N, C-alpha and C. Protein backbone atom coordinates (compact mmCIF):
# COMPACT_ATOMS: atom_id res chain seq x y z
N UNK A 1 25.59 -13.55 2.44
CA UNK A 1 25.35 -12.02 2.18
C UNK A 1 24.86 -11.62 3.53
N UNK A 2 25.17 -10.41 4.13
CA UNK A 2 24.52 -10.00 5.31
C UNK A 2 23.34 -9.20 4.88
N UNK A 3 22.41 -8.88 5.91
CA UNK A 3 21.20 -8.11 5.49
C UNK A 3 21.51 -6.83 5.15
N UNK A 4 22.48 -6.20 5.73
CA UNK A 4 22.86 -4.59 5.14
C UNK A 4 23.43 -4.78 3.75
N UNK A 5 24.06 -5.50 3.43
CA UNK A 5 24.58 -5.60 1.82
C UNK A 5 23.32 -6.02 1.10
N UNK A 6 22.25 -6.76 1.51
CA UNK A 6 21.02 -7.01 0.50
C UNK A 6 20.29 -5.74 0.63
N UNK A 7 20.33 -4.90 1.64
CA UNK A 7 19.55 -3.82 1.52
C UNK A 7 20.03 -2.81 0.55
N UNK A 8 21.43 -2.70 0.65
CA UNK A 8 22.00 -1.91 -0.21
C UNK A 8 22.01 -2.31 -1.74
N UNK A 9 21.91 -3.60 -2.04
CA UNK A 9 21.48 -4.00 -3.19
C UNK A 9 20.32 -3.62 -3.88
N UNK A 10 19.43 -3.89 -3.01
CA UNK A 10 17.95 -3.51 -3.27
C UNK A 10 17.95 -1.90 -3.52
N UNK A 11 18.42 -1.15 -2.72
CA UNK A 11 18.36 0.35 -2.92
C UNK A 11 18.98 0.52 -4.34
N UNK A 12 19.93 -0.24 -4.67
CA UNK A 12 20.63 0.19 -6.18
C UNK A 12 19.57 -0.28 -7.18
N UNK A 13 19.17 -1.41 -7.17
CA UNK A 13 18.15 -2.00 -7.96
C UNK A 13 16.95 -1.40 -8.33
N UNK A 14 16.52 -0.94 -7.10
CA UNK A 14 15.23 -0.22 -7.08
C UNK A 14 15.40 1.45 -7.76
N UNK A 15 16.50 1.89 -7.59
CA UNK A 15 16.80 2.97 -8.34
C UNK A 15 16.96 2.84 -9.84
N UNK A 16 17.82 1.71 -10.30
CA UNK A 16 18.41 1.85 -11.48
C UNK A 16 17.82 0.55 -12.69
N UNK A 17 17.49 -0.52 -11.83
CA UNK A 17 17.04 -1.61 -12.43
C UNK A 17 15.79 -2.13 -12.05
N UNK A 18 14.63 -1.72 -12.20
CA UNK A 18 13.37 -2.11 -11.49
C UNK A 18 12.86 -3.72 -11.94
N UNK A 19 13.17 -3.93 -12.94
CA UNK A 19 12.61 -5.48 -13.51
C UNK A 19 13.79 -6.48 -12.66
N UNK A 20 14.90 -6.26 -12.48
CA UNK A 20 15.81 -6.97 -11.62
C UNK A 20 15.41 -6.97 -10.40
N UNK A 21 15.03 -5.79 -9.75
CA UNK A 21 14.49 -5.42 -8.31
C UNK A 21 13.49 -6.27 -7.90
N UNK A 22 12.31 -6.23 -9.03
CA UNK A 22 11.01 -7.23 -8.69
C UNK A 22 11.60 -8.67 -8.49
N UNK A 23 12.51 -9.30 -9.44
CA UNK A 23 12.85 -10.58 -9.36
C UNK A 23 13.43 -10.92 -8.01
N UNK A 24 14.66 -9.93 -7.77
CA UNK A 24 15.29 -10.21 -6.42
C UNK A 24 14.32 -10.11 -5.37
N UNK A 25 13.47 -9.24 -5.39
CA UNK A 25 12.46 -9.25 -4.06
C UNK A 25 11.70 -10.56 -4.14
N UNK A 26 11.22 -10.90 -5.20
CA UNK A 26 10.46 -12.17 -4.91
C UNK A 26 11.32 -13.54 -4.56
N UNK A 27 12.56 -13.50 -4.93
CA UNK A 27 13.53 -14.28 -4.68
C UNK A 27 13.80 -14.39 -3.25
N UNK A 28 14.23 -13.08 -2.48
CA UNK A 28 14.28 -13.04 -1.30
C UNK A 28 13.13 -13.31 -0.15
N UNK A 29 12.08 -12.75 -0.75
CA UNK A 29 10.74 -13.34 0.08
C UNK A 29 10.75 -14.74 0.16
N UNK A 30 10.98 -15.50 -1.12
CA UNK A 30 10.84 -17.01 -0.98
C UNK A 30 11.83 -17.64 0.03
N UNK A 31 12.83 -17.00 -0.15
CA UNK A 31 14.00 -17.47 0.93
C UNK A 31 13.62 -17.23 2.42
N UNK A 32 12.49 -16.53 2.61
CA UNK A 32 12.22 -16.34 3.91
C UNK A 32 12.37 -14.85 4.65
N UNK A 33 12.81 -13.88 3.76
CA UNK A 33 13.24 -12.79 4.46
C UNK A 33 12.06 -11.61 4.17
N UNK A 34 12.01 -10.67 5.19
CA UNK A 34 10.91 -9.76 4.82
C UNK A 34 11.91 -8.44 4.42
N UNK A 35 11.02 -7.64 3.60
CA UNK A 35 11.54 -6.45 2.96
C UNK A 35 10.75 -5.27 3.16
N UNK A 36 11.45 -4.27 3.75
CA UNK A 36 11.00 -2.99 4.16
C UNK A 36 11.39 -1.77 3.32
N UNK A 37 10.59 -0.96 2.95
CA UNK A 37 11.05 0.14 2.02
C UNK A 37 10.47 1.43 2.49
N UNK A 38 11.16 2.51 2.54
CA UNK A 38 10.50 3.90 3.12
C UNK A 38 10.26 4.57 1.83
N UNK A 39 9.65 5.89 2.09
CA UNK A 39 9.19 6.89 0.92
C UNK A 39 10.53 6.97 -0.13
N UNK A 40 11.53 7.40 0.65
CA UNK A 40 12.81 7.58 -0.04
C UNK A 40 13.18 6.62 -0.95
N UNK A 41 12.90 5.31 -0.83
CA UNK A 41 13.27 4.08 -1.48
C UNK A 41 14.53 3.41 -0.72
N UNK A 42 14.66 3.68 0.40
CA UNK A 42 15.83 3.17 1.16
C UNK A 42 15.05 1.83 1.77
N UNK A 43 15.67 0.64 1.78
CA UNK A 43 15.31 -0.59 2.29
C UNK A 43 16.06 -1.11 3.67
N UNK A 44 15.24 -1.96 4.17
CA UNK A 44 15.74 -2.82 5.57
C UNK A 44 15.34 -4.30 5.16
N UNK A 45 16.15 -5.19 5.30
CA UNK A 45 15.84 -6.58 5.14
C UNK A 45 15.84 -7.21 6.63
N UNK A 46 14.93 -8.01 6.87
CA UNK A 46 14.80 -8.76 8.10
C UNK A 46 14.40 -10.08 7.90
N UNK A 47 14.77 -11.12 8.95
CA UNK A 47 14.32 -12.32 8.89
C UNK A 47 12.97 -12.58 9.14
N UNK A 48 12.05 -13.20 8.38
CA UNK A 48 10.64 -13.42 8.73
C UNK A 48 10.27 -14.00 10.00
N UNK A 49 9.45 -13.45 10.51
CA UNK A 49 9.32 -13.89 12.03
C UNK A 49 9.79 -12.97 12.98
N UNK A 50 10.55 -12.16 12.66
CA UNK A 50 11.09 -11.34 13.55
C UNK A 50 10.60 -9.77 13.33
N UNK A 51 10.33 -9.36 14.48
CA UNK A 51 9.64 -7.82 14.60
C UNK A 51 10.80 -6.94 14.20
N UNK A 52 10.70 -5.88 13.37
CA UNK A 52 11.61 -4.96 13.17
C UNK A 52 11.82 -4.15 14.66
N UNK A 53 13.17 -3.85 14.73
CA UNK A 53 13.51 -2.88 16.00
C UNK A 53 12.86 -1.63 15.90
N UNK A 54 12.97 -1.03 16.92
CA UNK A 54 12.13 0.22 17.16
C UNK A 54 12.62 1.27 16.02
N UNK A 55 13.90 1.33 15.77
CA UNK A 55 14.36 2.45 14.80
C UNK A 55 13.94 1.94 13.43
N UNK A 56 13.59 0.67 13.05
CA UNK A 56 13.30 0.24 11.85
C UNK A 56 11.85 0.50 11.56
N UNK A 57 10.99 0.60 12.54
CA UNK A 57 9.49 0.81 12.34
C UNK A 57 9.19 2.02 11.37
N UNK A 58 9.95 2.88 11.30
CA UNK A 58 9.52 3.89 10.32
C UNK A 58 9.53 3.44 8.87
N UNK A 59 10.27 2.52 8.57
CA UNK A 59 10.15 1.71 7.22
C UNK A 59 9.26 0.99 6.94
N UNK A 60 8.22 0.62 7.73
CA UNK A 60 6.93 0.20 7.34
C UNK A 60 6.23 1.12 7.08
N UNK A 61 5.97 1.28 5.81
CA UNK A 61 4.94 2.35 5.44
C UNK A 61 4.06 2.01 4.18
N UNK A 62 3.53 0.79 4.49
CA UNK A 62 2.51 0.41 3.36
C UNK A 62 1.25 1.24 3.50
N UNK A 63 0.88 1.65 4.77
CA UNK A 63 -0.61 2.05 4.78
C UNK A 63 -0.24 3.27 5.98
N UNK A 64 -0.44 4.42 5.59
CA UNK A 64 -0.41 5.39 6.66
C UNK A 64 -1.80 5.69 7.16
N UNK A 65 -2.07 5.71 8.46
CA UNK A 65 -3.22 5.96 9.23
C UNK A 65 -3.43 7.64 9.03
N UNK A 66 -4.76 7.71 8.53
CA UNK A 66 -5.06 9.27 8.51
C UNK A 66 -5.60 9.69 9.77
N UNK A 67 -5.47 11.01 9.99
CA UNK A 67 -5.93 11.50 11.45
C UNK A 67 -7.44 11.37 11.42
N UNK A 68 -8.14 11.71 12.47
CA UNK A 68 -9.59 11.77 12.70
C UNK A 68 -10.21 12.57 11.84
N UNK A 69 -9.98 13.87 11.38
CA UNK A 69 -10.45 14.85 10.59
C UNK A 69 -10.69 14.32 9.08
N UNK A 70 -9.72 13.81 8.80
CA UNK A 70 -9.44 13.16 7.25
C UNK A 70 -10.49 12.15 7.32
N UNK A 71 -10.45 11.24 8.24
CA UNK A 71 -11.51 10.05 8.31
C UNK A 71 -12.78 10.37 8.21
N UNK A 72 -13.19 11.50 9.03
CA UNK A 72 -14.45 12.13 9.10
C UNK A 72 -14.93 12.73 7.65
N UNK A 73 -14.09 13.44 7.33
CA UNK A 73 -14.40 14.10 5.92
C UNK A 73 -14.56 12.97 4.66
N UNK A 74 -13.84 11.94 4.96
CA UNK A 74 -13.98 10.92 3.92
C UNK A 74 -15.20 10.10 4.05
N UNK A 75 -15.76 9.90 5.30
CA UNK A 75 -16.97 9.11 5.62
C UNK A 75 -17.96 10.01 5.10
N UNK A 76 -17.87 11.26 5.32
CA UNK A 76 -19.21 11.97 4.90
C UNK A 76 -19.31 12.25 3.51
N UNK A 77 -18.08 12.45 2.90
CA UNK A 77 -17.97 12.66 1.30
C UNK A 77 -18.66 11.14 0.72
N UNK A 78 -18.15 9.89 1.21
CA UNK A 78 -18.55 8.88 0.75
C UNK A 78 -20.13 8.52 0.95
N UNK A 79 -20.50 9.08 2.10
CA UNK A 79 -22.15 8.92 2.49
C UNK A 79 -22.80 9.71 1.49
N UNK A 80 -22.41 10.99 1.19
CA UNK A 80 -23.22 11.71 0.12
C UNK A 80 -23.20 11.04 -1.32
N UNK A 81 -22.03 10.46 -1.65
CA UNK A 81 -21.76 9.79 -2.93
C UNK A 81 -22.71 8.53 -2.88
N UNK A 82 -23.00 8.05 -1.82
CA UNK A 82 -23.87 6.82 -1.76
C UNK A 82 -25.19 7.24 -1.94
N UNK A 83 -25.68 8.32 -1.29
CA UNK A 83 -27.16 8.89 -1.50
C UNK A 83 -27.17 9.07 -2.78
N UNK A 84 -26.40 9.97 -3.41
CA UNK A 84 -26.58 10.40 -4.76
C UNK A 84 -26.70 9.30 -5.78
N UNK A 85 -25.88 8.14 -5.37
CA UNK A 85 -26.08 7.05 -6.46
C UNK A 85 -27.47 6.31 -6.26
N UNK A 86 -28.05 6.35 -5.05
CA UNK A 86 -29.13 5.84 -4.79
C UNK A 86 -30.36 6.66 -5.44
N UNK A 87 -30.17 7.85 -5.32
CA UNK A 87 -31.24 8.70 -6.31
C UNK A 87 -31.15 8.38 -7.62
N UNK A 88 -29.90 8.37 -8.25
CA UNK A 88 -29.59 8.08 -9.72
C UNK A 88 -30.43 6.78 -9.99
N UNK A 89 -30.10 5.60 -9.08
CA UNK A 89 -30.70 4.30 -9.23
C UNK A 89 -32.26 4.36 -9.64
N UNK A 90 -32.67 5.16 -8.29
CA UNK A 90 -34.39 5.47 -8.34
C UNK A 90 -34.84 6.11 -9.55
N UNK A 91 -34.04 7.22 -9.90
CA UNK A 91 -34.55 7.78 -11.26
C UNK A 91 -34.62 6.88 -12.45
N UNK A 92 -33.23 5.99 -12.57
CA UNK A 92 -33.27 4.95 -13.66
C UNK A 92 -34.41 4.12 -13.76
N UNK A 93 -34.70 3.54 -12.58
CA UNK A 93 -35.73 2.59 -12.37
C UNK A 93 -37.00 3.22 -12.75
N UNK A 94 -37.15 4.43 -12.18
CA UNK A 94 -38.58 5.36 -12.47
C UNK A 94 -38.73 5.53 -14.08
N UNK A 95 -37.79 5.92 -14.59
CA UNK A 95 -37.88 6.22 -16.05
C UNK A 95 -38.01 4.84 -17.00
N UNK A 96 -37.48 3.63 -16.51
CA UNK A 96 -37.44 2.67 -17.25
C UNK A 96 -39.12 1.95 -16.96
N UNK A 97 -39.59 2.13 -15.64
CA UNK A 97 -41.00 1.69 -15.58
C UNK A 97 -41.96 2.64 -16.29
N UNK A 98 -41.59 3.81 -16.46
CA UNK A 98 -42.66 4.71 -17.21
C UNK A 98 -42.63 4.27 -18.60
N UNK A 99 -41.54 3.95 -19.18
CA UNK A 99 -41.76 3.38 -20.41
C UNK A 99 -42.39 2.29 -20.95
N UNK A 100 -42.40 1.27 -19.78
CA UNK A 100 -43.08 0.13 -20.01
C UNK A 100 -44.47 0.26 -19.68
């Protein structure tokens, strides 16, 4: 089988038979192939160790990088959550020490 027919097979399995899709992906990965899927559910299959061509890079969507403002907002929000949790922990320790 060529790589394009494998991609078409994975597209069909992903849409209609998810259990067989998972088993087939595991089988193909064990045989040394890399599988890429975009958000629309379309697949690309490549030999392991080969970099995808420039037009195939769009299919690597495991983790999207957020822009600067989203990362800054998340950093600030997580900082406030951490400070809030520290105050809760201090309050809990204070109440427990007051009881004893």
